[in-house]
Amino acid sequence: MRECMNKIHMRGSIVIREEEQDKASMFYTGEEVGICTQQNAKAFNPEELVEVDIAVDPCEGIDLIALAAKN
C-alpha cells in the first residue's frame, strides 16, 4: 500500500493508523506519504500537490478480501 500511495501526486500525512495485527509493514502516525517522499520530489512543485490527512484502518476479513471470497 505504501508503494502505491507514494506514486500519487499528493502530500499526505497519516493521522490515524492501523492497529498491529501481524508483521505487516505498518504506517505510523505522522508518516508522510505521496510523491513528495520520492528521491525526485524536488521535480514537483509542492504547491501543485494536494495536501491530505489519511486515516488507515484495515478491513475486517482481510483474508476473504484478498482471495475475493464470499463472506
PDB file of N, CA and C in Angstrom:
ATOM      1  N   MET A   1       0.827  -1.182   0.000  1.00  0.00           N
ATOM      2  CA  MET A   1       0.000   0.000   0.000  1.00  0.00           C
ATOM      3  C   MET A   1       0.877   1.254   0.000  1.00  0.00           C
ATOM      4  N   ARG A   2       1.957   1.205   0.769  1.00  0.00           N
ATOM      5  CA  ARG A   2       2.855   2.361   0.845  1.00  0.00           C
ATOM      6  C   ARG A   2       3.428   2.685  -0.533  1.00  0.00           C
ATOM      7  N   GLU A   3       3.827   1.662  -1.278  1.00  0.00           N
ATOM      8  CA  GLU A   3       4.405   1.871  -2.606  1.00  0.00           C
ATOM      9  C   GLU A   3       3.410   2.568  -3.531  1.00  0.00           C
ATOM     10  N   CYS A   4       2.168   2.145  -3.485  1.00  0.00           N
ATOM     11  CA  CYS A   4       1.134   2.771  -4.318  1.00  0.00           C
ATOM     12  C   CYS A   4       0.859   4.203  -3.877  1.00  0.00           C
ATOM     13  N   MET A   5       0.767   4.418  -2.590  1.00  0.00           N
ATOM     14  CA  MET A   5       0.473   5.767  -2.089  1.00  0.00           C
ATOM     15  C   MET A   5       1.586   6.745  -2.438  1.00  0.00           C
ATOM     16  N   ASN A   6       2.816   6.258  -2.477  1.00  0.00           N
ATOM     17  CA  ASN A   6       3.949   7.139  -2.767  1.00  0.00           C
ATOM     18  C   ASN A   6       4.062   7.499  -4.247  1.00  0.00           C
ATOM     19  N   LYS A   7       3.189   6.955  -5.084  1.00  0.00           N
ATOM     20  CA  LYS A   7       3.157   7.320  -6.502  1.00  0.00           C
ATOM     21  C   LYS A   7       2.092   8.379  -6.796  1.00  0.00           C
ATOM     22  N   ILE A   8       1.234   8.637  -5.822  1.00  0.00           N
ATOM     23  CA  ILE A   8       0.144   9.603  -6.001  1.00  0.00           C
ATOM     24  C   ILE A   8       0.694  11.019  -5.835  1.00  0.00           C
ATOM     25  N   HIS A   9       0.277  11.921  -6.707  1.00  0.00           N
ATOM     26  CA  HIS A   9       0.731  13.311  -6.654  1.00  0.00           C
ATOM     27  C   HIS A   9       0.013  14.032  -5.522  1.00  0.00           C
ATOM     28  N   MET A  10       0.518  13.823  -4.311  1.00  0.00           N
ATOM     29  CA  MET A  10      -0.059  14.428  -3.114  1.00  0.00           C
ATOM     30  C   MET A  10       1.017  14.583  -2.061  1.00  0.00           C
ATOM     31  N   ARG A  11       0.698  15.391  -1.075  1.00  0.00           N
ATOM     32  CA  ARG A  11       1.488  15.474   0.153  1.00  0.00           C
ATOM     33  C   ARG A  11       0.567  14.965   1.243  1.00  0.00           C
ATOM     34  N   GLY A  12       0.727  13.708   1.594  1.00  0.00           N
ATOM     35  CA  GLY A  12      -0.165  13.082   2.571  1.00  0.00           C
ATOM     36  C   GLY A  12       0.502  12.900   3.908  1.00  0.00           C
ATOM     37  N   SER A  13      -0.307  12.875   4.939  1.00  0.00           N
ATOM     38  CA  SER A  13       0.172  12.647   6.299  1.00  0.00           C
ATOM     39  C   SER A  13      -0.771  11.660   6.975  1.00  0.00           C
ATOM     40  N   ILE A  14      -0.205  10.595   7.550  1.00  0.00           N
ATOM     41  CA  ILE A  14      -1.012   9.604   8.266  1.00  0.00           C
ATOM     42  C   ILE A  14      -1.398  10.203   9.610  1.00  0.00           C
ATOM     43  N   VAL A  15      -2.703  10.307   9.873  1.00  0.00           N
ATOM     44  CA  VAL A  15      -3.162  10.893  11.125  1.00  0.00           C
ATOM     45  C   VAL A  15      -3.741   9.845  12.071  1.00  0.00           C
ATOM     46  N   ILE A  16      -4.247   8.763  11.530  1.00  0.00           N
ATOM     47  CA  ILE A  16      -4.735   7.631  12.330  1.00  0.00           C
ATOM     48  C   ILE A  16      -4.211   6.389  11.648  1.00  0.00           C
ATOM     49  N   ARG A  17      -3.633   5.490  12.425  1.00  0.00           N
ATOM     50  CA  ARG A  17      -3.038   4.311  11.787  1.00  0.00           C
ATOM     51  C   ARG A  17      -3.714   3.038  12.261  1.00  0.00           C
ATOM     52  N   GLU A  18      -3.407   1.968  11.543  1.00  0.00           N
ATOM     53  CA  GLU A  18      -3.967   0.670  11.871  1.00  0.00           C
ATOM     54  C   GLU A  18      -3.337   0.123  13.143  1.00  0.00           C
ATOM     55  N   GLU A  19      -4.042  -0.754  13.794  1.00  0.00           N
ATOM     56  CA  GLU A  19      -3.508  -1.445  14.957  1.00  0.00           C
ATOM     57  C   GLU A  19      -2.648  -2.602  14.465  1.00  0.00           C
ATOM     58  N   GLU A  20      -1.596  -2.903  15.200  1.00  0.00           N
ATOM     59  CA  GLU A  20      -0.727  -4.001  14.786  1.00  0.00           C
ATOM     60  C   GLU A  20      -1.457  -5.328  14.948  1.00  0.00           C
ATOM     61  N   GLN A  21      -1.596  -6.058  13.850  1.00  0.00           N
ATOM     62  CA  GLN A  21      -2.266  -7.355  13.890  1.00  0.00           C
ATOM     63  C   GLN A  21      -1.333  -8.479  13.454  1.00  0.00           C
ATOM     64  N   ASP A  22      -0.343  -8.153  12.681  1.00  0.00           N
ATOM     65  CA  ASP A  22       0.601  -9.155  12.214  1.00  0.00           C
ATOM     66  C   ASP A  22       1.919  -8.440  11.943  1.00  0.00           C
ATOM     67  N   LYS A  23       2.805  -9.073  11.232  1.00  0.00           N
ATOM     68  CA  LYS A  23       4.114  -8.476  10.977  1.00  0.00           C
ATOM     69  C   LYS A  23       4.131  -7.660   9.695  1.00  0.00           C
ATOM     70  N   ALA A  24       2.957  -7.214   9.253  1.00  0.00           N
ATOM     71  CA  ALA A  24       2.861  -6.411   8.035  1.00  0.00           C
ATOM     72  C   ALA A  24       3.533  -5.053   8.255  1.00  0.00           C
ATOM     73  N   SER A  25       4.021  -4.488   7.186  1.00  0.00           N
ATOM     74  CA  SER A  25       4.652  -3.181   7.247  1.00  0.00           C
ATOM     75  C   SER A  25       3.571  -2.135   7.508  1.00  0.00           C
ATOM     76  N   MET A  26       3.602  -1.547   8.685  1.00  0.00           N
ATOM     77  CA  MET A  26       2.555  -0.622   9.086  1.00  0.00           C
ATOM     78  C   MET A  26       2.961   0.826   8.832  1.00  0.00           C
ATOM     79  N   PHE A  27       1.966   1.671   8.699  1.00  0.00           N
ATOM     80  CA  PHE A  27       2.198   3.108   8.674  1.00  0.00           C
ATOM     81  C   PHE A  27       2.317   3.579  10.112  1.00  0.00           C
ATOM     82  N   TYR A  28       2.932   4.723  10.324  1.00  0.00           N
ATOM     83  CA  TYR A  28       2.966   5.283  11.666  1.00  0.00           C
ATOM     84  C   TYR A  28       2.363   6.683  11.632  1.00  0.00           C
ATOM     85  N   THR A  29       1.813   7.097  12.751  1.00  0.00           N
ATOM     86  CA  THR A  29       1.192   8.410  12.835  1.00  0.00           C
ATOM     87  C   THR A  29       2.236   9.483  12.552  1.00  0.00           C
ATOM     88  N   GLY A  30       1.911  10.387  11.663  1.00  0.00           N
ATOM     89  CA  GLY A  30       2.831  11.456  11.280  1.00  0.00           C
ATOM     90  C   GLY A  30       3.666  11.128  10.048  1.00  0.00           C
ATOM     91  N   GLU A  31       3.581   9.895   9.571  1.00  0.00           N
ATOM     92  CA  GLU A  31       4.355   9.499   8.381  1.00  0.00           C
ATOM     93  C   GLU A  31       3.869  10.278   7.162  1.00  0.00           C
ATOM     94  N   GLU A  32       4.807  10.741   6.365  1.00  0.00           N
ATOM     95  CA  GLU A  32       4.460  11.428   5.127  1.00  0.00           C
ATOM     96  C   GLU A  32       4.413  10.415   3.994  1.00  0.00           C
ATOM     97  N   VAL A  33       3.392  10.524   3.162  1.00  0.00           N
ATOM     98  CA  VAL A  33       3.244   9.650   2.006  1.00  0.00           C
ATOM     99  C   VAL A  33       2.904  10.505   0.796  1.00  0.00           C
ATOM    100  N   GLY A  34       3.093   9.935  -0.364  1.00  0.00           N
ATOM    101  CA  GLY A  34       2.823  10.646  -1.608  1.00  0.00           C
ATOM    102  C   GLY A  34       4.104  10.856  -2.388  1.00  0.00           C
ATOM    103  N   ILE A  35       3.953  11.444  -3.551  1.00  0.00           N
ATOM    104  CA  ILE A  35       5.084  11.655  -4.452  1.00  0.00           C
ATOM    105  C   ILE A  35       6.165  12.517  -3.793  1.00  0.00           C
ATOM    106  N   CYS A  36       5.781  13.309  -2.795  1.00  0.00           N
ATOM    107  CA  CYS A  36       6.733  14.187  -2.105  1.00  0.00           C
ATOM    108  C   CYS A  36       7.807  13.407  -1.354  1.00  0.00           C
ATOM    109  N   THR A  37       7.623  12.109  -1.152  1.00  0.00           N
ATOM    110  CA  THR A  37       8.598  11.305  -0.417  1.00  0.00           C
ATOM    111  C   THR A  37       9.647  10.668  -1.327  1.00  0.00           C
ATOM    112  N   GLN A  38       9.486  10.799  -2.636  1.00  0.00           N
ATOM    113  CA  GLN A  38      10.390  10.155  -3.581  1.00  0.00           C
ATOM    114  C   GLN A  38      11.684  10.954  -3.754  1.00  0.00           C
ATOM    115  N   GLN A  39      12.716  10.283  -4.242  1.00  0.00           N
ATOM    116  CA  GLN A  39      14.018  10.925  -4.429  1.00  0.00           C
ATOM    117  C   GLN A  39      13.947  12.096  -5.385  1.00  0.00           C
ATOM    118  N   ASN A  40      13.077  12.019  -6.378  1.00  0.00           N
ATOM    119  CA  ASN A  40      12.963  13.096  -7.357  1.00  0.00           C
ATOM    120  C   ASN A  40      11.886  14.110  -6.947  1.00  0.00           C
ATOM    121  N   ALA A  41      11.567  14.186  -5.674  1.00  0.00           N
ATOM    122  CA  ALA A  41      10.493  15.056  -5.196  1.00  0.00           C
ATOM    123  C   ALA A  41      10.739  16.523  -5.527  1.00  0.00           C
ATOM    124  N   LYS A  42      11.990  16.924  -5.664  1.00  0.00           N
ATOM    125  CA  LYS A  42      12.282  18.323  -5.972  1.00  0.00           C
ATOM    126  C   LYS A  42      11.798  18.712  -7.363  1.00  0.00           C
ATOM    127  N   ALA A  43      11.499  17.721  -8.190  1.00  0.00           N
ATOM    128  CA  ALA A  43      10.993  17.990  -9.539  1.00  0.00           C
ATOM    129  C   ALA A  43       9.535  18.440  -9.502  1.00  0.00           C
ATOM    130  N   PHE A  44       8.880  18.274  -8.346  1.00  0.00           N
ATOM    131  CA  PHE A  44       7.476  18.631  -8.212  1.00  0.00           C
ATOM    132  C   PHE A  44       7.331  19.888  -7.363  1.00  0.00           C
ATOM    133  N   ASN A  45       6.467  20.779  -7.797  1.00  0.00           N
ATOM    134  CA  ASN A  45       6.182  21.989  -7.037  1.00  0.00           C
ATOM    135  C   ASN A  45       5.233  21.614  -5.895  1.00  0.00           C
ATOM    136  N   PRO A  46       5.651  21.793  -4.631  1.00  0.00           N
ATOM    137  CA  PRO A  46       4.796  21.406  -3.505  1.00  0.00           C
ATOM    138  C   PRO A  46       3.428  22.086  -3.531  1.00  0.00           C
ATOM    139  N   GLU A  47       3.360  23.266  -4.121  1.00  0.00           N
ATOM    140  CA  GLU A  47       2.087  23.992  -4.197  1.00  0.00           C
ATOM    141  C   GLU A  47       1.102  23.316  -5.154  1.00  0.00           C
ATOM    142  N   GLU A  48       1.608  22.488  -6.064  1.00  0.00           N
ATOM    143  CA  GLU A  48       0.751  21.803  -7.033  1.00  0.00           C
ATOM    144  C   GLU A  48       0.238  20.461  -6.508  1.00  0.00           C
ATOM    145  N   LEU A  49       0.770  20.020  -5.381  1.00  0.00           N
ATOM    146  CA  LEU A  49       0.362  18.732  -4.824  1.00  0.00           C
ATOM    147  C   LEU A  49      -0.776  18.933  -3.830  1.00  0.00           C
ATOM    148  N   VAL A  50      -1.765  18.068  -3.896  1.00  0.00           N
ATOM    149  CA  VAL A  50      -2.875  18.120  -2.959  1.00  0.00           C
ATOM    150  C   VAL A  50      -2.369  17.704  -1.579  1.00  0.00           C
ATOM    151  N   GLU A  51      -2.754  18.441  -0.548  1.00  0.00           N
ATOM    152  CA  GLU A  51      -2.363  18.103   0.815  1.00  0.00           C
ATOM    153  C   GLU A  51      -3.533  17.408   1.494  1.00  0.00           C
ATOM    154  N   VAL A  52      -3.292  16.186   2.004  1.00  0.00           N
ATOM    155  CA  VAL A  52      -4.370  15.398   2.601  1.00  0.00           C
ATOM    156  C   VAL A  52      -3.929  14.756   3.909  1.00  0.00           C
ATOM    157  N   ASP A  53      -4.893  14.555   4.802  1.00  0.00           N
ATOM    158  CA  ASP A  53      -4.705  13.749   6.004  1.00  0.00           C
ATOM    159  C   ASP A  53      -5.333  12.398   5.717  1.00  0.00           C
ATOM    160  N   ILE A  54      -4.674  11.327   6.157  1.00  0.00           N
ATOM    161  CA  ILE A  54      -5.127   9.975   5.816  1.00  0.00           C
ATOM    162  C   ILE A  54      -5.304   9.152   7.088  1.00  0.00           C
ATOM    163  N   ALA A  55      -6.461   8.507   7.196  1.00  0.00           N
ATOM    164  CA  ALA A  55      -6.713   7.557   8.277  1.00  0.00           C
ATOM    165  C   ALA A  55      -6.637   6.162   7.674  1.00  0.00           C
ATOM    166  N   VAL A  56      -5.800   5.303   8.245  1.00  0.00           N
ATOM    167  CA  VAL A  56      -5.607   3.948   7.725  1.00  0.00           C
ATOM    168  C   VAL A  56      -6.131   2.958   8.761  1.00  0.00           C
ATOM    169  N   ASP A  57      -7.086   2.165   8.345  1.00  0.00           N
ATOM    170  CA  ASP A  57      -7.652   1.157   9.238  1.00  0.00           C
ATOM    171  C   ASP A  57      -7.965  -0.072   8.397  1.00  0.00           C
ATOM    172  N   PRO A  58      -7.454  -1.241   8.783  1.00  0.00           N
ATOM    173  CA  PRO A  58      -7.672  -2.429   7.962  1.00  0.00           C
ATOM    174  C   PRO A  58      -9.134  -2.860   7.979  1.00  0.00           C
ATOM    175  N   CYS A  59      -9.526  -3.504   6.903  1.00  0.00           N
ATOM    176  CA  CYS A  59     -10.878  -4.057   6.793  1.00  0.00           C
ATOM    177  C   CYS A  59     -10.987  -5.296   7.675  1.00  0.00           C
ATOM    178  N   GLU A  60     -12.199  -5.596   8.059  1.00  0.00           N
ATOM    179  CA  GLU A  60     -12.439  -6.846   8.740  1.00  0.00           C
ATOM    180  C   GLU A  60     -12.543  -7.934   7.669  1.00  0.00           C
ATOM    181  N   GLY A  61     -11.922  -9.068   7.891  1.00  0.00           N
ATOM    182  CA  GLY A  61     -11.972 -10.153   6.910  1.00  0.00           C
ATOM    183  C   GLY A  61     -10.985  -9.951   5.774  1.00  0.00           C
ATOM    184  N   ILE A  62      -9.765  -9.504   6.096  1.00  0.00           N
ATOM    185  CA  ILE A  62      -8.799  -9.192   5.037  1.00  0.00           C
ATOM    186  C   ILE A  62      -8.423 -10.413   4.205  1.00  0.00           C
ATOM    187  N   ASP A  63      -8.447 -11.600   4.802  1.00  0.00           N
ATOM    188  CA  ASP A  63      -8.129 -12.809   4.020  1.00  0.00           C
ATOM    189  C   ASP A  63      -9.212 -13.045   2.969  1.00  0.00           C
ATOM    190  N   LEU A  64     -10.472 -12.848   3.350  1.00  0.00           N
ATOM    191  CA  LEU A  64     -11.574 -13.025   2.399  1.00  0.00           C
ATOM    192  C   LEU A  64     -11.447 -12.019   1.251  1.00  0.00           C
ATOM    193  N   ILE A  65     -11.110 -10.790   1.579  1.00  0.00           N
ATOM    194  CA  ILE A  65     -10.968  -9.759   0.562  1.00  0.00           C
ATOM    195  C   ILE A  65      -9.814 -10.096  -0.377  1.00  0.00           C
ATOM    196  N   ALA A  66      -8.683 -10.520   0.189  1.00  0.00           N
ATOM    197  CA  ALA A  66      -7.508 -10.835  -0.618  1.00  0.00           C
ATOM    198  C   ALA A  66      -7.789 -11.988  -1.581  1.00  0.00           C
ATOM    199  N   LEU A  67      -8.640 -12.910  -1.180  1.00  0.00           N
ATOM    200  CA  LEU A  67      -8.967 -14.062  -2.008  1.00  0.00           C
ATOM    201  C   LEU A  67     -10.219 -13.839  -2.852  1.00  0.00           C
ATOM    202  N   ALA A  68     -10.814 -12.653  -2.752  1.00  0.00           N
ATOM    203  CA  ALA A  68     -12.066 -12.332  -3.453  1.00  0.00           C
ATOM    204  C   ALA A  68     -13.139 -13.378  -3.148  1.00  0.00           C
ATOM    205  N   ALA A  69     -13.160 -13.803  -1.889  1.00  0.00           N
ATOM    206  CA  ALA A  69     -14.122 -14.825  -1.461  1.00  0.00           C
ATOM    207  C   ALA A  69     -15.394 -14.191  -0.905  1.00  0.00           C
ATOM    208  N   LYS A  70     -16.467 -14.946  -0.875  1.00  0.00           N
ATOM    209  CA  LYS A  70     -17.703 -14.506  -0.260  1.00  0.00           C
ATOM    210  C   LYS A  70     -17.594 -14.653   1.235  1.00  0.00           C
ATOM    211  N   ASN A  71     -18.341 -13.823   1.971  1.00  0.00           N
ATOM    212  CA  ASN A  71     -18.272 -13.974   3.444  1.00  0.00           C
ATOM    213  C   ASN A  71     -19.351 -14.867   3.953  1.00  0.00           C
TER     214      ASN A  71
END
